[in-house]
Amino acid sequence: MPLSDYSTLRKMQGEIKAPATYKDPEKIKEYIKEKELKMLDETTLNPLTSRVACISWIAPDGEIITAWNRDKEPEIIRLFIEASAPMQEQLAGYNIRKFDLPYLFIRSLILNVPDANLLNVAKRNCYDPYDIAGQYFSGMKQDNLVYAKLGYERKYPFISYSEFRFEKSEEEYLAFLIKHNREDVWMLGRFLGVEVRDYE
C-alpha cells in the first residue's frame, strides 16, 4: 500500500495541478483526486514509497498464516522473518526472487527490522516458478498456471489501489488485500502440491 505520509509522495512526484482550462472547482477537485490516486498507484510497488500491509505464508501444518496491520509494518515483517528463518534451505513463491524478497529486504532495512539479512535474496535458496514461466513466456501470471493445472479461477483477482479507492476506504482495501493475499498463497500451494488448508 502507499505510504501513509502522502507528503513524501508529493515531494517525489511534485504537486498536482489541474490544467489551466479547468474553471469549475468541482472538476478541478475531481481531476486532482484522480491524478493523485494514479500517482499513488504507481508508487505502490516501490519500497521507497509504499509499505507492507499484510504477508501470508503456509505453515508446516498447512495452515495459511497472515500477518497484517496497517500501522505496524515492522512487526509484520518481523513475524515473517521469524516464520521463514527455519526454512533456510528453500523458500517457494511466485516472483519472490525478483520482487517479494527484494522488496521486503529494502523495507526491513529502512525500518531497522532485526535480522533483515534473512530476507536477502542473494543468500536464500528460492524455488520460483516465475523464473521460467514469467521470464520466457511474456510475464505469465500465477493465475494462468493454476488455471491450466487445476482449472481454478480466483475469487479475488487483483484490483489496483486507485481503482478501489475511487469508491471505498483504505480499510476496505486492506480487507480486500488480505483475501487476495491468502488466496494467492493457497493457489501456489495447490499448484506445487503442498498440503494447504482453505484460505477462507
Protein backbone atom coordinates (compact mmCIF):
# COMPACT_ATOMS: atom_id res chain seq x y z
CA MET A 1 0.00 0.00 0.00
CA PRO A 2 1.16 3.61 -0.43
CA LEU A 3 2.98 5.29 2.44
CA SER A 4 0.54 6.84 4.86
CA ASP A 5 2.64 10.01 4.72
CA TYR A 6 1.39 11.40 1.41
CA SER A 7 3.69 14.41 1.75
CA THR A 8 6.64 12.13 0.95
CA LEU A 9 4.97 11.12 -2.30
CA ARG A 10 4.25 14.71 -3.21
CA LYS A 11 7.88 15.65 -2.67
CA MET A 12 8.93 12.88 -5.05
CA GLN A 13 6.22 13.42 -7.66
CA GLY A 14 5.59 17.16 -7.39
CA GLU A 15 2.35 18.99 -6.69
CA ILE A 16 -0.61 18.00 -8.87
CA LYS A 17 -2.39 20.83 -10.65
CA ALA A 18 -5.40 20.80 -12.95
CA PRO A 19 -4.99 22.21 -16.48
CA ALA A 20 -5.46 25.98 -16.74
CA THR A 21 -8.58 25.41 -18.87
CA TYR A 22 -10.38 23.88 -15.85
CA LYS A 23 -12.53 26.55 -14.16
CA ASP A 24 -15.15 24.56 -12.26
CA PRO A 25 -13.88 23.96 -8.66
CA GLU A 26 -15.59 20.55 -8.51
CA LYS A 27 -13.97 19.42 -11.76
CA ILE A 28 -10.59 20.65 -10.53
CA LYS A 29 -11.04 18.75 -7.28
CA GLU A 30 -12.06 15.56 -9.12
CA TYR A 31 -9.13 15.89 -11.55
CA ILE A 32 -6.62 16.24 -8.71
CA LYS A 33 -8.16 13.30 -6.83
CA GLU A 34 -7.95 11.06 -9.91
CA LYS A 35 -4.35 12.06 -10.65
CA GLU A 36 -3.30 11.63 -7.03
CA LEU A 37 -4.76 8.13 -6.85
CA LYS A 38 -2.99 7.20 -10.09
CA MET A 39 0.23 8.64 -8.69
CA LEU A 40 -0.21 6.54 -5.56
CA ASP A 41 -0.86 3.52 -7.77
CA GLU A 42 2.48 3.99 -9.50
CA THR A 43 4.30 4.08 -6.18
CA THR A 44 2.74 1.02 -4.53
CA LEU A 45 5.42 -1.33 -5.89
CA ASN A 46 8.34 0.89 -4.93
CA PRO A 47 9.84 0.08 -1.48
CA LEU A 48 10.74 3.75 -1.02
CA THR A 49 7.19 5.00 -1.48
CA SER A 50 4.98 2.18 -0.21
CA ARG A 51 4.56 -0.03 2.83
CA VAL A 52 3.79 -3.64 3.72
CA ALA A 53 0.20 -4.07 4.91
CA CYS A 54 -0.01 -7.87 5.04
CA ILE A 55 2.07 -11.00 4.40
CA SER A 56 0.71 -14.55 4.12
CA TRP A 57 2.56 -17.87 4.16
CA ILE A 58 1.87 -21.59 4.60
CA ALA A 59 2.83 -23.04 7.99
CA PRO A 60 4.28 -26.58 8.25
CA ASP A 61 0.84 -27.92 9.23
CA GLY A 62 -0.75 -26.48 6.08
CA GLU A 63 -2.47 -23.53 7.75
CA ILE A 64 -2.27 -20.20 5.96
CA ILE A 65 -0.88 -17.59 8.36
CA THR A 66 -1.48 -13.90 7.68
CA ALA A 67 0.28 -11.08 9.49
CA TRP A 68 -1.44 -7.77 8.92
CA ASN A 69 -1.74 -4.35 10.48
CA ARG A 70 -1.95 -1.13 8.54
CA ASP A 71 0.07 0.79 11.13
CA LYS A 72 2.64 -1.75 12.35
CA GLU A 73 4.71 -2.58 9.29
CA PRO A 74 7.94 -3.52 11.16
CA GLU A 75 6.02 -6.06 13.24
CA ILE A 76 4.52 -7.68 10.13
CA ILE A 77 7.96 -8.10 8.56
CA ARG A 78 9.48 -9.32 11.84
CA LEU A 79 6.83 -12.05 12.14
CA PHE A 80 7.54 -13.22 8.60
CA ILE A 81 11.30 -13.26 9.20
CA GLU A 82 10.78 -15.38 12.32
CA ALA A 83 8.47 -17.78 10.48
CA SER A 84 10.76 -18.13 7.46
CA ALA A 85 14.03 -18.47 9.42
CA PRO A 86 13.67 -22.27 9.90
CA MET A 87 13.12 -22.60 6.13
CA GLN A 88 16.63 -21.52 5.25
CA GLU A 89 17.10 -24.38 2.81
CA GLN A 90 14.38 -23.19 0.48
CA LEU A 91 11.53 -20.72 0.17
CA ALA A 92 8.92 -21.12 -2.56
CA GLY A 93 6.87 -18.35 -4.10
CA TYR A 94 5.82 -16.84 -7.39
CA ASN A 95 8.15 -13.97 -8.33
CA ILE A 96 9.67 -13.90 -4.82
CA ARG A 97 13.19 -13.80 -6.21
CA LYS A 98 12.69 -10.68 -8.33
CA PHE A 99 10.08 -8.84 -6.27
CA ASP A 100 8.76 -10.07 -2.90
CA LEU A 101 12.03 -10.79 -1.09
CA PRO A 102 13.96 -7.79 -2.51
CA TYR A 103 11.01 -5.53 -1.63
CA LEU A 104 10.77 -6.90 1.93
CA PHE A 105 14.54 -6.69 2.33
CA ILE A 106 14.63 -2.99 1.39
CA ARG A 107 11.64 -2.19 3.63
CA SER A 108 13.22 -4.06 6.56
CA LEU A 109 16.48 -2.13 6.12
CA ILE A 110 14.62 1.20 6.00
CA LEU A 111 12.66 0.28 9.14
CA ASN A 112 15.63 -1.28 11.01
CA VAL A 113 13.87 -4.62 11.42
CA PRO A 114 16.13 -7.13 13.22
CA ASP A 115 17.63 -9.98 11.14
CA ALA A 116 16.77 -8.21 7.89
CA ASN A 117 19.58 -10.07 6.16
CA LEU A 118 17.46 -13.24 6.30
CA LEU A 119 15.41 -11.62 3.53
CA ASN A 120 18.44 -11.03 1.31
CA VAL A 121 17.56 -12.97 -1.83
CA ALA A 122 21.25 -13.37 -2.64
CA LYS A 123 21.57 -15.54 0.47
CA ARG A 124 18.34 -17.52 0.17
CA ASN A 125 17.64 -20.62 -1.89
CA CYS A 126 14.34 -19.86 -3.61
CA TYR A 127 12.08 -22.05 -5.72
CA ASP A 128 10.34 -19.60 -8.01
CA PRO A 129 8.22 -20.83 -10.96
CA TYR A 130 8.27 -17.27 -12.32
CA ASP A 131 11.95 -17.69 -13.16
CA ILE A 132 10.81 -19.79 -16.11
CA ALA A 133 7.13 -19.04 -16.69
CA GLY A 134 7.36 -15.27 -16.31
CA GLN A 135 10.68 -14.63 -18.00
CA TYR A 136 10.30 -16.84 -21.02
CA PHE A 137 6.57 -16.68 -21.65
CA SER A 138 5.71 -12.98 -21.70
CA GLY A 139 5.18 -12.38 -17.99
CA MET A 140 2.86 -15.33 -17.47
CA LYS A 141 0.85 -14.90 -14.26
CA GLN A 142 0.45 -17.40 -11.47
CA ASP A 143 -3.31 -17.34 -12.17
CA ASN A 144 -2.67 -18.76 -15.66
CA LEU A 145 -0.56 -21.64 -14.35
CA VAL A 146 -3.04 -22.54 -11.62
CA TYR A 147 -5.97 -22.49 -14.06
CA ALA A 148 -4.06 -24.67 -16.54
CA LYS A 149 -3.25 -27.26 -13.88
CA LEU A 150 -6.23 -27.12 -11.53
CA GLY A 151 -8.98 -25.39 -13.51
CA TYR A 152 -9.34 -22.91 -10.63
CA GLU A 153 -10.39 -19.32 -11.30
CA ARG A 154 -9.61 -16.96 -8.48
CA LYS A 155 -12.33 -15.23 -6.48
CA TYR A 156 -10.26 -12.18 -5.58
CA PRO A 157 -8.31 -11.01 -8.66
CA PHE A 158 -6.02 -8.08 -8.05
CA ILE A 159 -7.54 -4.60 -8.10
CA SER A 160 -5.24 -1.60 -8.15
CA TYR A 161 -5.19 0.87 -5.28
CA SER A 162 -6.60 3.70 -7.40
CA GLU A 163 -9.45 1.62 -8.85
CA PHE A 164 -10.53 0.56 -5.37
CA ARG A 165 -10.09 3.88 -3.62
CA PHE A 166 -12.36 5.75 -6.05
CA GLU A 167 -15.30 4.14 -4.30
CA LYS A 168 -14.07 2.69 -0.99
CA SER A 169 -11.86 3.38 2.01
CA GLU A 170 -8.29 2.35 2.73
CA GLU A 171 -9.55 -0.02 5.46
CA GLU A 172 -11.74 -1.78 2.91
CA TYR A 173 -8.79 -2.03 0.52
CA LEU A 174 -6.70 -3.69 3.21
CA ALA A 175 -9.51 -6.19 3.87
CA PHE A 176 -9.56 -6.97 0.15
CA LEU A 177 -5.74 -7.29 0.02
CA ILE A 178 -5.80 -9.84 2.84
CA LYS A 179 -8.30 -12.00 0.94
CA HIS A 180 -6.31 -11.64 -2.30
CA ASN A 181 -3.06 -12.42 -0.49
CA ARG A 182 -4.37 -15.54 1.25
CA GLU A 183 -5.91 -16.85 -1.96
CA ASP A 184 -2.60 -16.20 -3.74
CA VAL A 185 -0.67 -18.33 -1.23
CA TRP A 186 -3.31 -21.09 -1.33
CA MET A 187 -3.17 -21.18 -5.16
CA LEU A 188 0.61 -21.51 -5.18
CA GLY A 189 0.50 -24.23 -2.52
CA ARG A 190 -2.03 -26.23 -4.56
CA PHE A 191 -0.02 -25.72 -7.73
CA LEU A 192 3.15 -27.00 -6.07
CA GLY A 193 1.33 -29.95 -4.49
CA VAL A 194 1.78 -28.68 -0.93
CA GLU A 195 -0.78 -29.64 1.69
CA VAL A 196 -2.61 -26.42 2.43
CA ARG A 197 -5.85 -25.62 4.25
CA ASP A 198 -8.60 -23.47 2.79
CA TYR A 199 -7.84 -19.75 2.70
CA GLU A 200 -11.28 -18.55 3.84
